[in-house]
């Protein structure tokens, strides 16, 4: 299998977008060599994220960070 579909909520896509922004040049280069352009993936996810309801994306007091 080379492709799959999955449901991600606005929070999960936000995490992925933030992680992609944190990559340094070397990591981005290594990922590009193995899997493809990070910026293409970022823009694809960001386009989807912009269309989602982001009204509840702030951290709520009842949420405990997982780290």
C-alpha atoms as a PDB file:
ATOM      1  CA  UNK A   1       0.000   0.000   0.000  1.00  0.00           C
ATOM      2  CA  UNK A   2       1.404   3.415  -0.939  1.00  0.00           C
ATOM      3  CA  UNK A   3      -1.478   5.693   0.001  1.00  0.00           C
ATOM      4  CA  UNK A   4      -4.084   5.849   2.729  1.00  0.00           C
ATOM      5  CA  UNK A   5      -6.744   8.235   3.970  1.00  0.00           C
ATOM      6  CA  UNK A   6      -7.237   9.296   7.558  1.00  0.00           C
ATOM      7  CA  UNK A   7      -9.270  11.836   9.433  1.00  0.00           C
ATOM      8  CA  UNK A   8      -7.324  14.537  11.257  1.00  0.00           C
ATOM      9  CA  UNK A   9      -8.869  17.294  13.324  1.00  0.00           C
ATOM     10  CA  UNK A  10      -7.803  20.936  13.287  1.00  0.00           C
ATOM     11  CA  UNK A  11      -5.558  20.409  16.335  1.00  0.00           C
ATOM     12  CA  UNK A  12      -3.697  17.485  14.772  1.00  0.00           C
ATOM     13  CA  UNK A  13      -3.102  19.343  11.518  1.00  0.00           C
ATOM     14  CA  UNK A  14      -1.914  22.330  13.550  1.00  0.00           C
ATOM     15  CA  UNK A  15       0.644  20.100  15.289  1.00  0.00           C
ATOM     16  CA  UNK A  16       1.926  18.822  11.948  1.00  0.00           C
ATOM     17  CA  UNK A  17       2.168  22.348  10.529  1.00  0.00           C
ATOM     18  CA  UNK A  18       4.081  23.553  13.577  1.00  0.00           C
ATOM     19  CA  UNK A  19       6.449  20.580  13.423  1.00  0.00           C
ATOM     20  CA  UNK A  20       7.128  21.198   9.733  1.00  0.00           C
ATOM     21  CA  UNK A  21       7.933  24.856  10.500  1.00  0.00           C
ATOM     22  CA  UNK A  22      10.475  23.793  13.136  1.00  0.00           C
ATOM     23  CA  UNK A  23      12.622  21.733  10.761  1.00  0.00           C
ATOM     24  CA  UNK A  24      16.066  23.094  10.075  1.00  0.00           C
ATOM     25  CA  UNK A  25      17.578  23.160   6.592  1.00  0.00           C
ATOM     26  CA  UNK A  26      19.486  19.905   7.031  1.00  0.00           C
ATOM     27  CA  UNK A  27      16.414  17.983   8.192  1.00  0.00           C
ATOM     28  CA  UNK A  28      14.357  19.446   5.375  1.00  0.00           C
ATOM     29  CA  UNK A  29      17.010  18.338   2.870  1.00  0.00           C
ATOM     30  CA  UNK A  30      17.139  14.794   4.279  1.00  0.00           C
ATOM     31  CA  UNK A  31      13.351  14.485   4.243  1.00  0.00           C
ATOM     32  CA  UNK A  32      13.190  15.818   0.682  1.00  0.00           C
ATOM     33  CA  UNK A  33      15.714  13.235  -0.495  1.00  0.00           C
ATOM     34  CA  UNK A  34      13.732  10.376   0.990  1.00  0.00           C
ATOM     35  CA  UNK A  35      10.093  11.486   0.724  1.00  0.00           C
ATOM     36  CA  UNK A  36       9.672  14.728  -1.198  1.00  0.00           C
ATOM     37  CA  UNK A  37       9.328  18.431  -0.581  1.00  0.00           C
ATOM     38  CA  UNK A  38       8.456  19.551   2.933  1.00  0.00           C
ATOM     39  CA  UNK A  39       7.143  22.875   1.641  1.00  0.00           C
ATOM     40  CA  UNK A  40       4.704  21.143  -0.733  1.00  0.00           C
ATOM     41  CA  UNK A  41       3.339  19.072   2.154  1.00  0.00           C
ATOM     42  CA  UNK A  42       3.169  22.154   4.388  1.00  0.00           C
ATOM     43  CA  UNK A  43       1.182  24.132   1.811  1.00  0.00           C
ATOM     44  CA  UNK A  44      -1.155  21.205   1.169  1.00  0.00           C
ATOM     45  CA  UNK A  45      -1.879  20.807   4.890  1.00  0.00           C
ATOM     46  CA  UNK A  46      -2.136  24.561   5.428  1.00  0.00           C
ATOM     47  CA  UNK A  47      -4.730  24.879   2.658  1.00  0.00           C
ATOM     48  CA  UNK A  48      -6.839  22.198   4.346  1.00  0.00           C
ATOM     49  CA  UNK A  49      -6.293  23.757   7.795  1.00  0.00           C
ATOM     50  CA  UNK A  50      -7.464  27.180   6.563  1.00  0.00           C
ATOM     51  CA  UNK A  51     -10.786  25.656   5.504  1.00  0.00           C
ATOM     52  CA  UNK A  52     -11.410  24.079   8.914  1.00  0.00           C
ATOM     53  CA  UNK A  53     -13.180  25.573  11.935  1.00  0.00           C
ATOM     54  CA  UNK A  54     -10.336  27.050  13.983  1.00  0.00           C
ATOM     55  CA  UNK A  55     -12.520  28.667  16.646  1.00  0.00           C
ATOM     56  CA  UNK A  56     -11.466  26.077  19.249  1.00  0.00           C
ATOM     57  CA  UNK A  57      -7.729  25.842  18.546  1.00  0.00           C
ATOM     58  CA  UNK A  58      -6.556  27.588  21.726  1.00  0.00           C
ATOM     59  CA  UNK A  59      -5.290  25.546  24.654  1.00  0.00           C
ATOM     60  CA  UNK A  60      -8.064  24.941  27.142  1.00  0.00           C
ATOM     61  CA  UNK A  61      -7.428  24.882  30.904  1.00  0.00           C
ATOM     62  CA  UNK A  62      -8.557  21.262  31.175  1.00  0.00           C
ATOM     63  CA  UNK A  63      -5.903  20.030  28.750  1.00  0.00           C
ATOM     64  CA  UNK A  64      -2.632  18.727  30.141  1.00  0.00           C
ATOM     65  CA  UNK A  65       0.390  18.754  27.781  1.00  0.00           C
ATOM     66  CA  UNK A  66       1.621  15.279  26.890  1.00  0.00           C
ATOM     67  CA  UNK A  67       5.320  15.969  27.437  1.00  0.00           C
END
